N, C-alpha and C. Protein backbone atom coordinates (compact mmCIF):
# COMPACT_ATOMS: atom_id res chain seq x y z
N MET A 1 45.70 72.22 -69.33
CA MET A 1 46.63 71.55 -68.43
C MET A 1 47.39 70.50 -69.23
N THR A 2 48.69 70.46 -69.02
CA THR A 2 49.52 69.52 -69.76
C THR A 2 49.84 68.31 -68.90
N ASP A 3 50.09 67.20 -69.56
CA ASP A 3 50.50 65.99 -68.85
C ASP A 3 51.98 66.08 -68.52
N VAL A 4 52.31 65.74 -67.31
CA VAL A 4 53.70 65.74 -66.88
C VAL A 4 54.27 64.35 -67.13
N PRO A 5 55.42 64.26 -67.79
CA PRO A 5 55.99 62.93 -68.01
C PRO A 5 56.34 62.23 -66.70
N ARG A 6 56.35 60.93 -66.76
CA ARG A 6 56.62 60.13 -65.57
C ARG A 6 57.99 60.51 -64.96
N ILE A 7 58.99 60.76 -65.78
CA ILE A 7 60.31 61.12 -65.27
C ILE A 7 60.25 62.42 -64.47
N GLY A 8 59.36 63.32 -64.85
CA GLY A 8 59.19 64.56 -64.09
C GLY A 8 58.69 64.30 -62.69
N ARG A 9 57.75 63.37 -62.56
CA ARG A 9 57.23 63.01 -61.23
C ARG A 9 58.29 62.29 -60.40
N VAL A 10 59.06 61.42 -61.05
CA VAL A 10 60.12 60.71 -60.33
C VAL A 10 61.16 61.72 -59.84
N LEU A 11 61.52 62.68 -60.69
CA LEU A 11 62.48 63.70 -60.27
C LEU A 11 61.93 64.56 -59.14
N ASP A 12 60.63 64.83 -59.16
CA ASP A 12 60.01 65.56 -58.05
C ASP A 12 60.19 64.79 -56.74
N LEU A 13 59.97 63.48 -56.78
CA LEU A 13 60.12 62.66 -55.59
C LEU A 13 61.57 62.63 -55.12
N VAL A 14 62.51 62.47 -56.05
CA VAL A 14 63.93 62.46 -55.69
C VAL A 14 64.34 63.81 -55.09
N GLY A 15 63.88 64.90 -55.71
CA GLY A 15 64.18 66.23 -55.18
C GLY A 15 63.63 66.42 -53.78
N LEU A 16 62.42 65.91 -53.55
CA LEU A 16 61.82 66.02 -52.23
C LEU A 16 62.63 65.24 -51.20
N LEU A 17 63.09 64.06 -51.58
CA LEU A 17 63.91 63.27 -50.65
C LEU A 17 65.22 63.98 -50.31
N PHE A 18 65.87 64.56 -51.32
CA PHE A 18 67.09 65.33 -51.05
C PHE A 18 66.79 66.52 -50.15
N LEU A 19 65.70 67.22 -50.41
CA LEU A 19 65.33 68.38 -49.62
C LEU A 19 65.05 67.99 -48.16
N LEU A 20 64.31 66.90 -47.97
CA LEU A 20 64.00 66.47 -46.60
C LEU A 20 65.25 65.98 -45.87
N ALA A 21 66.10 65.24 -46.57
CA ALA A 21 67.34 64.77 -45.95
C ALA A 21 68.22 65.95 -45.56
N GLY A 22 68.34 66.93 -46.44
CA GLY A 22 69.13 68.12 -46.14
C GLY A 22 68.55 68.89 -44.97
N GLY A 23 67.24 69.02 -44.95
CA GLY A 23 66.59 69.70 -43.82
C GLY A 23 66.82 68.96 -42.51
N GLY A 24 66.81 67.63 -42.57
CA GLY A 24 67.08 66.84 -41.37
C GLY A 24 68.50 67.04 -40.87
N PHE A 25 69.47 67.09 -41.79
CA PHE A 25 70.86 67.33 -41.40
C PHE A 25 71.01 68.70 -40.78
N VAL A 26 70.41 69.71 -41.39
CA VAL A 26 70.53 71.08 -40.86
C VAL A 26 69.85 71.18 -39.49
N ALA A 27 68.70 70.54 -39.34
CA ALA A 27 68.00 70.59 -38.05
C ALA A 27 68.82 69.88 -36.97
N ARG A 28 69.40 68.74 -37.30
CA ARG A 28 70.23 68.02 -36.31
C ARG A 28 71.47 68.84 -35.95
N ALA A 29 72.06 69.49 -36.94
CA ALA A 29 73.23 70.33 -36.66
C ALA A 29 72.84 71.49 -35.75
N TRP A 30 71.67 72.08 -35.97
CA TRP A 30 71.22 73.19 -35.13
C TRP A 30 71.06 72.73 -33.68
N VAL A 31 70.45 71.57 -33.50
CA VAL A 31 70.30 71.03 -32.15
C VAL A 31 71.67 70.73 -31.55
N GLY A 32 72.57 70.21 -32.37
CA GLY A 32 73.92 69.91 -31.90
C GLY A 32 74.67 71.15 -31.47
N PHE A 33 74.49 72.23 -32.22
CA PHE A 33 75.14 73.49 -31.83
C PHE A 33 74.64 73.96 -30.47
N GLN A 34 73.39 73.67 -30.13
CA GLN A 34 72.87 74.04 -28.81
C GLN A 34 73.54 73.21 -27.72
N GLU A 35 73.93 71.96 -28.06
CA GLU A 35 74.58 71.08 -27.09
C GLU A 35 76.03 71.47 -26.83
N VAL A 36 76.64 72.22 -27.72
CA VAL A 36 78.05 72.58 -27.58
C VAL A 36 78.27 73.41 -26.32
N GLN A 37 77.32 74.26 -25.97
CA GLN A 37 77.49 75.12 -24.80
C GLN A 37 77.69 74.31 -23.52
N SER A 38 77.01 73.18 -23.42
CA SER A 38 77.11 72.39 -22.18
C SER A 38 78.05 71.19 -22.31
N TYR A 39 78.76 71.08 -23.42
CA TYR A 39 79.65 69.93 -23.64
C TYR A 39 80.87 70.03 -22.73
N VAL A 40 81.16 68.93 -22.08
CA VAL A 40 82.35 68.84 -21.23
C VAL A 40 83.20 67.70 -21.78
N PRO A 41 84.39 68.01 -22.28
CA PRO A 41 85.23 66.94 -22.81
C PRO A 41 85.66 65.97 -21.71
N PRO A 42 85.84 64.71 -22.08
CA PRO A 42 86.28 63.74 -21.06
C PRO A 42 87.68 64.09 -20.55
N THR A 43 87.90 63.85 -19.30
CA THR A 43 89.17 64.21 -18.68
C THR A 43 90.28 63.22 -19.00
N ASP A 44 89.94 62.03 -19.50
CA ASP A 44 90.98 61.05 -19.79
C ASP A 44 91.60 61.23 -21.17
N GLY A 45 91.13 62.20 -21.94
CA GLY A 45 91.71 62.51 -23.24
C GLY A 45 91.28 61.59 -24.36
N THR A 46 90.29 60.73 -24.14
CA THR A 46 89.88 59.78 -25.19
C THR A 46 88.77 60.32 -26.07
N GLY A 47 88.06 61.32 -25.65
CA GLY A 47 86.92 61.83 -26.42
C GLY A 47 87.28 63.01 -27.29
N LEU A 48 86.26 63.67 -27.78
CA LEU A 48 86.44 64.84 -28.63
C LEU A 48 86.71 66.08 -27.79
N THR A 49 87.52 66.97 -28.33
CA THR A 49 87.64 68.28 -27.69
C THR A 49 86.39 69.08 -28.02
N ALA A 50 86.21 70.18 -27.35
CA ALA A 50 85.02 71.00 -27.60
C ALA A 50 85.01 71.52 -29.04
N VAL A 51 86.18 71.85 -29.57
CA VAL A 51 86.25 72.35 -30.95
C VAL A 51 85.90 71.24 -31.93
N GLU A 52 86.40 70.02 -31.69
CA GLU A 52 86.06 68.89 -32.56
C GLU A 52 84.57 68.55 -32.48
N PHE A 53 84.02 68.67 -31.28
CA PHE A 53 82.59 68.42 -31.08
C PHE A 53 81.76 69.41 -31.89
N ALA A 54 82.13 70.69 -31.83
CA ALA A 54 81.41 71.71 -32.59
C ALA A 54 81.65 71.55 -34.09
N ASP A 55 82.87 71.14 -34.47
CA ASP A 55 83.22 71.00 -35.87
C ASP A 55 82.39 69.93 -36.57
N GLN A 56 82.05 68.87 -35.85
CA GLN A 56 81.24 67.83 -36.48
C GLN A 56 79.85 68.35 -36.86
N PHE A 57 79.31 69.26 -36.07
CA PHE A 57 78.01 69.84 -36.40
C PHE A 57 78.13 70.86 -37.53
N TRP A 58 79.26 71.54 -37.60
CA TRP A 58 79.50 72.46 -38.71
C TRP A 58 79.55 71.70 -40.03
N ARG A 59 80.27 70.56 -40.02
CA ARG A 59 80.33 69.72 -41.24
C ARG A 59 78.95 69.16 -41.58
N MET A 60 78.19 68.78 -40.57
CA MET A 60 76.85 68.26 -40.80
C MET A 60 75.95 69.33 -41.42
N GLN A 61 76.08 70.57 -40.96
CA GLN A 61 75.30 71.67 -41.52
C GLN A 61 75.68 71.91 -42.97
N LYS A 62 76.98 71.87 -43.28
CA LYS A 62 77.42 72.05 -44.66
C LYS A 62 76.86 70.94 -45.55
N MET A 63 76.87 69.71 -45.08
CA MET A 63 76.34 68.60 -45.85
C MET A 63 74.84 68.78 -46.08
N GLY A 64 74.13 69.22 -45.05
CA GLY A 64 72.70 69.45 -45.19
C GLY A 64 72.38 70.52 -46.21
N VAL A 65 73.13 71.61 -46.17
CA VAL A 65 72.92 72.68 -47.15
C VAL A 65 73.22 72.17 -48.56
N GLY A 66 74.27 71.36 -48.69
CA GLY A 66 74.59 70.78 -49.99
C GLY A 66 73.47 69.90 -50.51
N LEU A 67 72.88 69.09 -49.64
CA LEU A 67 71.76 68.24 -50.05
C LEU A 67 70.55 69.08 -50.47
N ILE A 68 70.32 70.17 -49.76
CA ILE A 68 69.21 71.06 -50.13
C ILE A 68 69.46 71.66 -51.51
N VAL A 69 70.68 72.08 -51.77
CA VAL A 69 71.02 72.66 -53.08
C VAL A 69 70.83 71.62 -54.18
N VAL A 70 71.25 70.38 -53.92
CA VAL A 70 71.04 69.31 -54.91
C VAL A 70 69.55 69.09 -55.12
N GLY A 71 68.77 69.09 -54.06
CA GLY A 71 67.32 68.92 -54.18
C GLY A 71 66.68 70.00 -55.02
N VAL A 72 67.10 71.23 -54.82
CA VAL A 72 66.57 72.34 -55.64
C VAL A 72 66.98 72.14 -57.09
N GLY A 73 68.22 71.69 -57.33
CA GLY A 73 68.66 71.42 -58.69
C GLY A 73 67.82 70.34 -59.36
N VAL A 74 67.47 69.31 -58.60
CA VAL A 74 66.62 68.25 -59.14
C VAL A 74 65.22 68.81 -59.44
N PHE A 75 64.70 69.67 -58.58
CA PHE A 75 63.39 70.30 -58.85
C PHE A 75 63.44 71.13 -60.13
N VAL A 76 64.52 71.85 -60.33
CA VAL A 76 64.66 72.65 -61.55
C VAL A 76 64.71 71.73 -62.77
N ALA A 77 65.44 70.61 -62.66
CA ALA A 77 65.49 69.65 -63.77
C ALA A 77 64.10 69.08 -64.05
N ALA A 78 63.35 68.78 -63.02
CA ALA A 78 61.99 68.26 -63.20
C ALA A 78 61.11 69.30 -63.88
N TRP A 79 61.25 70.55 -63.46
CA TRP A 79 60.46 71.62 -64.09
C TRP A 79 60.85 71.76 -65.55
N TRP A 80 62.16 71.69 -65.83
CA TRP A 80 62.64 71.84 -67.20
C TRP A 80 62.08 70.73 -68.09
N ILE A 81 62.07 69.51 -67.57
CA ILE A 81 61.54 68.38 -68.34
C ILE A 81 60.03 68.52 -68.53
N ALA A 82 59.33 68.95 -67.49
CA ALA A 82 57.87 69.04 -67.57
C ALA A 82 57.40 70.15 -68.51
N ARG A 83 58.21 71.17 -68.73
CA ARG A 83 57.77 72.29 -69.58
C ARG A 83 58.06 72.04 -71.05
N ARG A 84 58.87 71.02 -71.36
CA ARG A 84 59.14 70.72 -72.77
C ARG A 84 57.88 70.17 -73.41
N PRO A 85 57.63 70.57 -74.63
CA PRO A 85 56.43 70.04 -75.29
C PRO A 85 56.59 68.56 -75.62
N VAL A 86 55.51 67.84 -75.40
CA VAL A 86 55.50 66.41 -75.72
C VAL A 86 55.17 66.26 -77.21
N PRO A 87 55.96 65.49 -77.96
CA PRO A 87 55.67 65.35 -79.38
C PRO A 87 54.32 64.68 -79.61
N GLU A 88 53.63 65.18 -80.60
CA GLU A 88 52.32 64.63 -80.97
C GLU A 88 52.51 63.28 -81.62
N GLU A 89 51.68 62.32 -81.23
CA GLU A 89 51.76 61.00 -81.87
C GLU A 89 50.90 61.01 -83.12
N THR A 90 51.47 60.56 -84.21
CA THR A 90 50.73 60.44 -85.45
C THR A 90 50.51 58.97 -85.73
N GLY A 91 49.37 58.64 -86.13
CA GLY A 91 49.18 57.22 -86.32
C GLY A 91 47.93 56.95 -86.98
């Protein structure tokens, strides 16, 4: 078993945070898409139209997927750093 450098563990934590944040955005967007069916725009014209209401959840879903992709990229970077051989100390 090899020792994982501290930066590898930090990157794992950062990747996990990106992954969880992205998952939260996607989950909220999914719930929001369910709300679109029953959305009634205000009659005074001050609120969002139904299309704008749905569009905000579409953008939220795209942002969540982007955060998940970044999180996976950070995990790959952590794996790449952890697999590099640690130089032997001579002394």
